[in-house]
Amino acid sequence: MPRTQGVLLLTAAVCCAAVLTGCSDDNTPSSVSSAASKAASAAESLGSRASAAASSLASEAESAFASATAEAGRRLDGITNGVDVTSDVELGGTATDKDGRSTVEVTATNTTDATKSFAVQVDFTDSSGERLDTVVVTLSDVPAGKKATATARSNRDLPGEVKTEVARAVRY
């Protein structure tokens, strides 16, 4: 057999062996290590994506809360000739409505001798007092010496035990 033909056959045999080894169910330490390394890399990548998604959700929630707080401030600050009457407002117990939103009944007492309206900022907090959401509820045309009620409803589903507090109340 000529020398070039022998070299070609030997090369073909080596290549074939390499291909077959790559396709086999080889459980040698190096192949297991390689597979473990690939799996660890995939898990790390998946973990990074999950962490990024959680961070994105937290950022969206924080942004929504900041937006709600800013809107509440604008609404209350835009009231002319208003009087701070936080002491004239009471909140009932916090509940969850059929849509999963937190709610609370707001009662305002008009202690004046004329019909007045109220704008009440209600903060929804977690058990440690950290604000989760804020809304403004309006009670319009409350007769002199009378009470009126309205329901404050969170802008989104809130996790865990939710408490409420009157952050600001303006009578006008």
N, C-alpha and C. Protein backbone atom coordinates (compact mmCIF):
# COMPACT_ATOMS: atom_id res chain seq x y z
N MET A 1 0.85 -1.16 0.00
CA MET A 1 0.00 0.00 0.00
C MET A 1 0.89 1.22 0.00
N PRO A 2 0.63 2.21 -0.87
CA PRO A 2 1.46 3.40 -0.91
C PRO A 2 1.34 4.18 0.39
N ARG A 3 2.38 4.94 0.69
CA ARG A 3 2.49 5.68 1.95
C ARG A 3 1.37 6.70 2.09
N THR A 4 1.00 7.44 1.07
CA THR A 4 -0.05 8.46 1.18
C THR A 4 -1.39 7.84 1.49
N GLN A 5 -1.63 6.66 0.91
CA GLN A 5 -2.88 5.99 1.18
C GLN A 5 -2.94 5.54 2.64
N GLY A 6 -1.85 5.08 3.21
CA GLY A 6 -1.78 4.66 4.61
C GLY A 6 -2.00 5.84 5.55
N VAL A 7 -1.42 7.00 5.21
CA VAL A 7 -1.59 8.20 6.03
C VAL A 7 -3.05 8.64 6.00
N LEU A 8 -3.68 8.58 4.84
CA LEU A 8 -5.08 8.97 4.73
C LEU A 8 -5.97 8.03 5.53
N LEU A 9 -5.70 6.72 5.48
CA LEU A 9 -6.50 5.77 6.25
C LEU A 9 -6.31 5.97 7.74
N LEU A 10 -5.08 6.23 8.16
CA LEU A 10 -4.80 6.48 9.57
C LEU A 10 -5.51 7.75 10.03
N THR A 11 -5.46 8.81 9.24
CA THR A 11 -6.12 10.08 9.56
C THR A 11 -7.62 9.87 9.66
N ALA A 12 -8.19 9.14 8.71
CA ALA A 12 -9.62 8.87 8.73
C ALA A 12 -10.00 8.09 9.98
N ALA A 13 -9.19 7.14 10.37
CA ALA A 13 -9.47 6.34 11.56
C ALA A 13 -9.44 7.19 12.82
N VAL A 14 -8.45 8.09 12.91
CA VAL A 14 -8.34 8.98 14.08
C VAL A 14 -9.55 9.91 14.14
N CYS A 15 -9.94 10.48 13.01
CA CYS A 15 -11.10 11.39 12.97
C CYS A 15 -12.37 10.65 13.35
N CYS A 16 -12.53 9.45 12.83
CA CYS A 16 -13.70 8.64 13.13
C CYS A 16 -13.75 8.33 14.62
N ALA A 17 -12.62 7.99 15.20
CA ALA A 17 -12.57 7.70 16.63
C ALA A 17 -12.93 8.93 17.45
N ALA A 18 -12.45 10.08 17.02
CA ALA A 18 -12.75 11.33 17.73
C ALA A 18 -14.24 11.64 17.67
N VAL A 19 -14.84 11.47 16.49
CA VAL A 19 -16.27 11.72 16.33
C VAL A 19 -17.08 10.75 17.17
N LEU A 20 -16.73 9.48 17.14
CA LEU A 20 -17.46 8.48 17.91
C LEU A 20 -17.33 8.72 19.40
N THR A 21 -16.15 9.14 19.86
CA THR A 21 -15.95 9.43 21.27
C THR A 21 -16.82 10.62 21.68
N GLY A 22 -16.89 11.63 20.81
CA GLY A 22 -17.71 12.81 21.11
C GLY A 22 -19.18 12.48 21.18
N CYS A 23 -19.65 11.47 20.47
CA CYS A 23 -21.06 11.12 20.44
C CYS A 23 -21.42 10.05 21.45
N SER A 24 -20.43 9.49 22.12
CA SER A 24 -20.71 8.37 23.02
C SER A 24 -21.22 8.85 24.35
N ASP A 25 -21.71 7.92 25.16
CA ASP A 25 -22.15 8.21 26.51
C ASP A 25 -20.98 8.05 27.46
N ASP A 26 -19.90 8.72 27.17
CA ASP A 26 -18.66 8.60 27.92
C ASP A 26 -18.85 9.21 29.30
N ASN A 27 -18.55 8.48 30.31
CA ASN A 27 -18.66 8.97 31.68
C ASN A 27 -17.30 9.12 32.33
N THR A 28 -16.30 9.48 31.54
CA THR A 28 -14.97 9.71 32.10
C THR A 28 -15.01 10.98 32.92
N PRO A 29 -14.08 11.15 33.84
CA PRO A 29 -14.07 12.36 34.68
C PRO A 29 -14.06 13.64 33.85
N SER A 30 -13.34 13.67 32.74
CA SER A 30 -13.28 14.91 31.96
C SER A 30 -14.62 15.20 31.29
N SER A 31 -15.33 14.17 30.81
CA SER A 31 -16.61 14.43 30.17
C SER A 31 -17.67 14.80 31.20
N VAL A 32 -17.63 14.18 32.37
CA VAL A 32 -18.57 14.53 33.43
C VAL A 32 -18.31 15.96 33.90
N SER A 33 -17.04 16.30 34.05
CA SER A 33 -16.68 17.64 34.48
C SER A 33 -17.16 18.67 33.46
N SER A 34 -16.99 18.35 32.18
CA SER A 34 -17.43 19.25 31.12
C SER A 34 -18.94 19.43 31.17
N ALA A 35 -19.69 18.34 31.35
CA ALA A 35 -21.14 18.42 31.41
C ALA A 35 -21.58 19.21 32.64
N ALA A 36 -20.91 18.98 33.77
CA ALA A 36 -21.24 19.71 35.00
C ALA A 36 -20.97 21.20 34.83
N SER A 37 -19.88 21.50 34.15
CA SER A 37 -19.53 22.90 33.91
C SER A 37 -20.59 23.58 33.04
N LYS A 38 -21.05 22.87 32.01
CA LYS A 38 -22.09 23.42 31.13
C LYS A 38 -23.38 23.61 31.92
N ALA A 39 -23.74 22.65 32.75
CA ALA A 39 -24.96 22.75 33.55
C ALA A 39 -24.87 23.91 34.54
N ALA A 40 -23.71 24.05 35.18
CA ALA A 40 -23.52 25.15 36.13
C ALA A 40 -23.62 26.49 35.42
N SER A 41 -23.06 26.58 34.24
CA SER A 41 -23.12 27.81 33.46
C SER A 41 -24.57 28.14 33.09
N ALA A 42 -25.33 27.11 32.68
CA ALA A 42 -26.74 27.32 32.33
C ALA A 42 -27.53 27.76 33.56
N ALA A 43 -27.27 27.12 34.70
CA ALA A 43 -27.98 27.48 35.94
C ALA A 43 -27.64 28.91 36.36
N GLU A 44 -26.38 29.28 36.23
CA GLU A 44 -25.97 30.64 36.57
C GLU A 44 -26.66 31.65 35.67
N SER A 45 -26.74 31.34 34.38
CA SER A 45 -27.41 32.22 33.44
C SER A 45 -28.89 32.36 33.77
N LEU A 46 -29.54 31.24 34.09
CA LEU A 46 -30.95 31.26 34.46
C LEU A 46 -31.15 32.05 35.75
N GLY A 47 -30.25 31.86 36.72
CA GLY A 47 -30.33 32.60 37.98
C GLY A 47 -30.18 34.09 37.75
N SER A 48 -29.27 34.47 36.86
CA SER A 48 -29.08 35.89 36.55
C SER A 48 -30.33 36.49 35.92
N ARG A 49 -30.95 35.72 35.00
CA ARG A 49 -32.17 36.21 34.36
C ARG A 49 -33.30 36.33 35.37
N ALA A 50 -33.43 35.36 36.29
CA ALA A 50 -34.47 35.42 37.31
C ALA A 50 -34.25 36.61 38.24
N SER A 51 -32.99 36.84 38.61
CA SER A 51 -32.65 37.97 39.47
C SER A 51 -32.98 39.29 38.78
N ALA A 52 -32.68 39.37 37.49
CA ALA A 52 -32.98 40.58 36.73
C ALA A 52 -34.48 40.81 36.65
N ALA A 53 -35.25 39.72 36.46
CA ALA A 53 -36.70 39.85 36.39
C ALA A 53 -37.27 40.31 37.72
N ALA A 54 -36.77 39.76 38.84
CA ALA A 54 -37.24 40.17 40.16
C ALA A 54 -36.89 41.63 40.42
N SER A 55 -35.70 42.02 40.03
CA SER A 55 -35.28 43.41 40.19
C SER A 55 -36.15 44.34 39.37
N SER A 56 -36.50 43.90 38.17
CA SER A 56 -37.36 44.70 37.30
C SER A 56 -38.75 44.86 37.92
N LEU A 57 -39.30 43.78 38.49
CA LEU A 57 -40.61 43.86 39.14
C LEU A 57 -40.56 44.81 40.33
N ALA A 58 -39.51 44.71 41.13
CA ALA A 58 -39.37 45.59 42.29
C ALA A 58 -39.27 47.04 41.85
N SER A 59 -38.54 47.27 40.77
CA SER A 59 -38.38 48.61 40.23
C SER A 59 -39.72 49.16 39.74
N GLU A 60 -40.50 48.30 39.07
CA GLU A 60 -41.82 48.73 38.59
C GLU A 60 -42.74 49.07 39.75
N ALA A 61 -42.72 48.26 40.81
CA ALA A 61 -43.55 48.52 41.98
C ALA A 61 -43.14 49.83 42.64
N GLU A 62 -41.83 50.04 42.76
CA GLU A 62 -41.32 51.27 43.36
C GLU A 62 -41.73 52.48 42.52
N SER A 63 -41.66 52.34 41.22
CA SER A 63 -42.03 53.41 40.31
C SER A 63 -43.52 53.72 40.42
N ALA A 64 -44.35 52.67 40.48
CA ALA A 64 -45.79 52.86 40.61
C ALA A 64 -46.12 53.56 41.93
N PHE A 65 -45.43 53.17 43.01
CA PHE A 65 -45.66 53.80 44.30
C PHE A 65 -45.25 55.27 44.27
N ALA A 66 -44.10 55.56 43.68
CA ALA A 66 -43.63 56.94 43.59
C ALA A 66 -44.61 57.78 42.78
N SER A 67 -45.15 57.21 41.71
CA SER A 67 -46.11 57.91 40.88
C SER A 67 -47.40 58.19 41.65
N ALA A 68 -47.89 57.20 42.39
CA ALA A 68 -49.11 57.37 43.18
C ALA A 68 -48.91 58.43 44.26
N THR A 69 -47.75 58.42 44.90
CA THR A 69 -47.45 59.40 45.94
C THR A 69 -47.39 60.81 45.35
N ALA A 70 -46.75 60.94 44.21
CA ALA A 70 -46.65 62.25 43.55
C ALA A 70 -48.04 62.76 43.16
N GLU A 71 -48.87 61.88 42.62
CA GLU A 71 -50.23 62.26 42.22
C GLU A 71 -51.05 62.68 43.44
N ALA A 72 -50.93 61.95 44.54
CA ALA A 72 -51.65 62.31 45.76
C ALA A 72 -51.23 63.70 46.23
N GLY A 73 -49.93 63.95 46.22
CA GLY A 73 -49.43 65.26 46.62
C GLY A 73 -49.96 66.38 45.73
N ARG A 74 -49.97 66.15 44.42
CA ARG A 74 -50.48 67.15 43.48
C ARG A 74 -51.96 67.45 43.74
N ARG A 75 -52.73 66.40 43.96
CA ARG A 75 -54.17 66.60 44.19
C ARG A 75 -54.42 67.42 45.45
N LEU A 76 -53.73 67.08 46.53
CA LEU A 76 -53.95 67.80 47.78
C LEU A 76 -53.37 69.20 47.76
N ASP A 77 -52.20 69.35 47.15
CA ASP A 77 -51.57 70.67 47.08
C ASP A 77 -52.35 71.62 46.17
N GLY A 78 -53.14 71.06 45.25
CA GLY A 78 -53.91 71.89 44.32
C GLY A 78 -55.20 72.44 44.91
N ILE A 79 -55.54 72.05 46.12
CA ILE A 79 -56.77 72.53 46.76
C ILE A 79 -56.51 73.91 47.34
N THR A 80 -57.34 74.87 46.93
CA THR A 80 -57.19 76.22 47.46
C THR A 80 -58.13 76.41 48.66
N ASN A 81 -57.68 77.21 49.61
CA ASN A 81 -58.44 77.51 50.83
C ASN A 81 -58.79 76.25 51.63
N GLY A 82 -57.91 75.26 51.58
CA GLY A 82 -58.13 74.03 52.34
C GLY A 82 -57.58 74.13 53.74
N VAL A 83 -58.16 73.36 54.64
CA VAL A 83 -57.74 73.33 56.03
C VAL A 83 -57.36 71.88 56.37
N ASP A 84 -56.23 71.71 57.07
CA ASP A 84 -55.80 70.37 57.48
C ASP A 84 -56.73 69.88 58.58
N VAL A 85 -57.40 68.75 58.31
CA VAL A 85 -58.37 68.22 59.27
C VAL A 85 -58.17 66.71 59.49
N THR A 86 -56.94 66.30 59.60
CA THR A 86 -56.64 64.88 59.80
C THR A 86 -57.40 64.32 61.01
N SER A 87 -57.57 65.12 62.03
CA SER A 87 -58.26 64.66 63.24
C SER A 87 -59.76 64.44 63.01
N ASP A 88 -60.32 64.96 61.93
CA ASP A 88 -61.75 64.78 61.63
C ASP A 88 -62.02 63.57 60.74
N VAL A 89 -60.99 62.77 60.50
CA VAL A 89 -61.13 61.61 59.61
C VAL A 89 -60.76 60.34 60.37
N GLU A 90 -61.57 59.30 60.18
CA GLU A 90 -61.31 58.00 60.78
C GLU A 90 -61.33 56.93 59.71
N LEU A 91 -60.54 55.88 59.95
CA LEU A 91 -60.50 54.75 59.02
C LEU A 91 -61.09 53.52 59.69
N GLY A 92 -61.79 52.70 58.90
CA GLY A 92 -62.31 51.43 59.39
C GLY A 92 -61.23 50.37 59.28
N GLY A 93 -61.63 49.13 59.32
CA GLY A 93 -60.68 48.03 59.20
C GLY A 93 -60.29 47.78 57.75
N THR A 94 -59.08 47.36 57.55
CA THR A 94 -58.58 47.07 56.21
C THR A 94 -59.12 45.71 55.75
N ALA A 95 -59.54 45.66 54.50
CA ALA A 95 -60.07 44.43 53.92
C ALA A 95 -59.48 44.23 52.53
N THR A 96 -59.80 43.10 51.92
CA THR A 96 -59.38 42.82 50.55
C THR A 96 -60.64 42.59 49.73
N ASP A 97 -60.78 43.33 48.61
CA ASP A 97 -61.98 43.17 47.78
C ASP A 97 -61.85 41.97 46.85
N LYS A 98 -62.88 41.71 46.05
CA LYS A 98 -62.92 40.53 45.19
C LYS A 98 -61.83 40.54 44.12
N ASP A 99 -61.26 41.71 43.83
CA ASP A 99 -60.17 41.83 42.84
C ASP A 99 -58.79 41.71 43.47
N GLY A 100 -58.75 41.51 44.79
CA GLY A 100 -57.46 41.36 45.48
C GLY A 100 -56.85 42.67 45.93
N ARG A 101 -57.57 43.76 45.80
CA ARG A 101 -57.05 45.06 46.23
C ARG A 101 -57.41 45.32 47.68
N SER A 102 -56.54 46.04 48.38
CA SER A 102 -56.80 46.40 49.77
C SER A 102 -57.76 47.58 49.79
N THR A 103 -58.70 47.54 50.72
CA THR A 103 -59.69 48.62 50.86
C THR A 103 -59.83 49.01 52.32
N VAL A 104 -60.32 50.23 52.52
CA VAL A 104 -60.62 50.70 53.87
C VAL A 104 -61.71 51.76 53.76
N GLU A 105 -62.65 51.73 54.72
CA GLU A 105 -63.69 52.74 54.74
C GLU A 105 -63.16 54.00 55.41
N VAL A 106 -63.39 55.14 54.76
CA VAL A 106 -62.94 56.45 55.25
C VAL A 106 -64.17 57.23 55.70
N THR A 107 -64.16 57.74 56.92
CA THR A 107 -65.27 58.53 57.44
C THR A 107 -64.75 59.91 57.80
N ALA A 108 -65.37 60.93 57.22
CA ALA A 108 -65.00 62.32 57.52
C ALA A 108 -66.18 63.00 58.21
N THR A 109 -65.87 63.76 59.25
CA THR A 109 -66.88 64.50 60.00
C THR A 109 -66.72 65.99 59.70
N ASN A 110 -67.79 66.59 59.22
CA ASN A 110 -67.77 68.02 58.94
C ASN A 110 -68.17 68.77 60.20
N THR A 111 -67.18 69.38 60.85
CA THR A 111 -67.41 70.08 62.12
C THR A 111 -67.73 71.56 61.93
N THR A 112 -67.94 71.96 60.68
CA THR A 112 -68.25 73.38 60.41
C THR A 112 -69.76 73.57 60.32
N ASP A 113 -70.17 74.83 60.10
CA ASP A 113 -71.60 75.13 59.96
C ASP A 113 -72.00 75.34 58.49
N ALA A 114 -71.17 74.82 57.58
CA ALA A 114 -71.47 74.91 56.14
C ALA A 114 -71.09 73.59 55.46
N THR A 115 -71.69 73.33 54.32
CA THR A 115 -71.35 72.13 53.55
C THR A 115 -69.91 72.23 53.07
N LYS A 116 -69.15 71.17 53.25
CA LYS A 116 -67.73 71.13 52.87
C LYS A 116 -67.41 69.81 52.19
N SER A 117 -66.30 69.79 51.46
CA SER A 117 -65.78 68.56 50.86
C SER A 117 -64.44 68.22 51.50
N PHE A 118 -64.06 66.97 51.37
CA PHE A 118 -62.81 66.49 51.97
C PHE A 118 -62.00 65.72 50.92
N ALA A 119 -60.70 65.89 50.97
CA ALA A 119 -59.77 65.05 50.20
C ALA A 119 -58.86 64.40 51.23
N VAL A 120 -58.82 63.06 51.21
CA VAL A 120 -58.09 62.31 52.23
C VAL A 120 -57.06 61.41 51.56
N GLN A 121 -55.80 61.57 51.97
CA GLN A 121 -54.73 60.69 51.49
C GLN A 121 -54.61 59.53 52.47
N VAL A 122 -54.79 58.31 51.95
CA VAL A 122 -54.68 57.10 52.75
C VAL A 122 -53.43 56.35 52.30
N ASP A 123 -52.57 56.07 53.26
CA ASP A 123 -51.38 55.27 52.98
C ASP A 123 -51.64 53.83 53.40
N PHE A 124 -51.29 52.89 52.51
CA PHE A 124 -51.35 51.46 52.80
C PHE A 124 -49.93 51.05 53.17
N THR A 125 -49.77 50.42 54.34
CA THR A 125 -48.44 50.06 54.82
C THR A 125 -48.36 48.57 55.13
N ASP A 126 -47.13 48.08 55.24
CA ASP A 126 -46.95 46.69 55.67
C ASP A 126 -46.90 46.67 57.20
N SER A 127 -46.71 45.52 57.78
CA SER A 127 -46.75 45.38 59.24
C SER A 127 -45.64 46.16 59.95
N SER A 128 -44.56 46.49 59.22
CA SER A 128 -43.48 47.26 59.85
C SER A 128 -43.65 48.77 59.61
N GLY A 129 -44.73 49.16 58.94
CA GLY A 129 -44.99 50.59 58.73
C GLY A 129 -44.45 51.14 57.42
N GLU A 130 -43.84 50.29 56.59
CA GLU A 130 -43.32 50.77 55.31
C GLU A 130 -44.47 50.94 54.31
N ARG A 131 -44.52 52.11 53.66
CA ARG A 131 -45.61 52.38 52.72
C ARG A 131 -45.53 51.48 51.50
N LEU A 132 -46.68 50.91 51.13
CA LEU A 132 -46.80 50.06 49.96
C LEU A 132 -47.55 50.76 48.83
N ASP A 133 -48.49 51.64 49.19
CA ASP A 133 -49.31 52.33 48.21
C ASP A 133 -49.95 53.53 48.88
N THR A 134 -50.46 54.44 48.08
CA THR A 134 -51.16 55.59 48.62
C THR A 134 -52.24 56.01 47.63
N VAL A 135 -53.38 56.44 48.16
CA VAL A 135 -54.48 56.90 47.32
C VAL A 135 -55.11 58.13 47.96
N VAL A 136 -55.83 58.89 47.15
CA VAL A 136 -56.61 60.02 47.65
C VAL A 136 -58.08 59.72 47.36
N VAL A 137 -58.89 59.83 48.38
CA VAL A 137 -60.33 59.64 48.22
C VAL A 137 -61.01 60.98 48.53
N THR A 138 -62.05 61.29 47.75
CA THR A 138 -62.77 62.55 47.92
C THR A 138 -64.16 62.28 48.47
N LEU A 139 -64.53 63.05 49.46
CA LEU A 139 -65.89 63.00 50.01
C LEU A 139 -66.48 64.37 49.73
N SER A 140 -67.40 64.44 48.81
CA SER A 140 -67.94 65.72 48.33
C SER A 140 -69.21 66.13 49.06
N ASP A 141 -69.32 67.42 49.27
CA ASP A 141 -70.55 68.05 49.77
C ASP A 141 -71.11 67.40 51.03
N VAL A 142 -70.28 67.34 52.06
CA VAL A 142 -70.71 66.78 53.34
C VAL A 142 -71.45 67.89 54.09
N PRO A 143 -72.74 67.66 54.45
CA PRO A 143 -73.52 68.70 55.14
C PRO A 143 -72.89 69.10 56.48
N ALA A 144 -73.17 70.31 56.91
CA ALA A 144 -72.68 70.83 58.19
C ALA A 144 -73.06 69.90 59.33
N GLY A 145 -72.06 69.58 60.18
CA GLY A 145 -72.30 68.76 61.36
C GLY A 145 -72.56 67.29 61.05
N LYS A 146 -72.38 66.84 59.83
CA LYS A 146 -72.67 65.44 59.44
C LYS A 146 -71.39 64.69 59.08
N LYS A 147 -71.57 63.37 58.94
CA LYS A 147 -70.48 62.49 58.54
C LYS A 147 -70.76 61.95 57.14
N ALA A 148 -69.69 61.62 56.44
CA ALA A 148 -69.82 60.95 55.15
C ALA A 148 -68.75 59.87 55.07
N THR A 149 -69.03 58.84 54.28
CA THR A 149 -68.07 57.75 54.14
C THR A 149 -67.77 57.50 52.65
N ALA A 150 -66.59 56.98 52.42
CA ALA A 150 -66.15 56.58 51.09
C ALA A 150 -65.18 55.41 51.29
N THR A 151 -64.86 54.74 50.22
CA THR A 151 -63.93 53.61 50.30
C THR A 151 -62.65 53.94 49.56
N ALA A 152 -61.53 53.81 50.26
CA ALA A 152 -60.21 53.96 49.63
C ALA A 152 -59.78 52.57 49.17
N ARG A 153 -59.28 52.48 47.93
CA ARG A 153 -58.89 51.19 47.34
C ARG A 153 -57.48 51.31 46.79
N SER A 154 -56.63 50.35 47.13
CA SER A 154 -55.24 50.39 46.65
C SER A 154 -55.20 50.31 45.13
N ASN A 155 -54.12 50.81 44.56
CA ASN A 155 -53.95 50.82 43.10
C ASN A 155 -53.57 49.45 42.55
N ARG A 156 -53.10 48.56 43.41
CA ARG A 156 -52.64 47.24 42.98
C ARG A 156 -52.77 46.26 44.14
N ASP A 157 -52.56 44.98 43.85
CA ASP A 157 -52.54 43.97 44.91
C ASP A 157 -51.36 44.24 45.83
N LEU A 158 -51.58 44.15 47.13
CA LEU A 158 -50.51 44.40 48.09
C LEU A 158 -50.21 43.12 48.86
N PRO A 159 -48.93 42.81 49.04
CA PRO A 159 -48.56 41.55 49.70
C PRO A 159 -48.65 41.62 51.22
N GLY A 160 -48.91 40.48 51.82
CA GLY A 160 -48.84 40.37 53.28
C GLY A 160 -49.95 41.09 54.01
N GLU A 161 -49.70 41.32 55.30
CA GLU A 161 -50.65 42.03 56.15
C GLU A 161 -50.58 43.52 55.82
N VAL A 162 -51.72 44.10 55.49
CA VAL A 162 -51.77 45.51 55.10
C VAL A 162 -52.49 46.32 56.16
N LYS A 163 -51.89 47.44 56.52
CA LYS A 163 -52.49 48.38 57.47
C LYS A 163 -52.72 49.70 56.73
N THR A 164 -53.53 50.57 57.32
CA THR A 164 -53.80 51.86 56.69
C THR A 164 -53.65 52.98 57.70
N GLU A 165 -53.37 54.17 57.16
CA GLU A 165 -53.30 55.36 58.01
C GLU A 165 -53.65 56.59 57.18
N VAL A 166 -54.19 57.58 57.86
CA VAL A 166 -54.48 58.86 57.20
C VAL A 166 -53.18 59.65 57.15
N ALA A 167 -52.69 59.90 55.96
CA ALA A 167 -51.45 60.67 55.81
C ALA A 167 -51.76 62.17 55.82
N ARG A 168 -52.81 62.56 55.11
CA ARG A 168 -53.24 63.96 55.06
C ARG A 168 -54.75 64.00 54.84
N ALA A 169 -55.37 65.03 55.34
CA ALA A 169 -56.80 65.25 55.10
C ALA A 169 -57.02 66.76 54.98
N VAL A 170 -57.70 67.15 53.92
CA VAL A 170 -57.95 68.57 53.69
C VAL A 170 -59.46 68.78 53.53
N ARG A 171 -59.98 69.76 54.29
CA ARG A 171 -61.39 70.14 54.15
C ARG A 171 -61.42 71.44 53.35
N TYR A 172 -62.33 71.50 52.40
CA TYR A 172 -62.42 72.72 51.56
C TYR A 172 -63.87 73.02 51.17
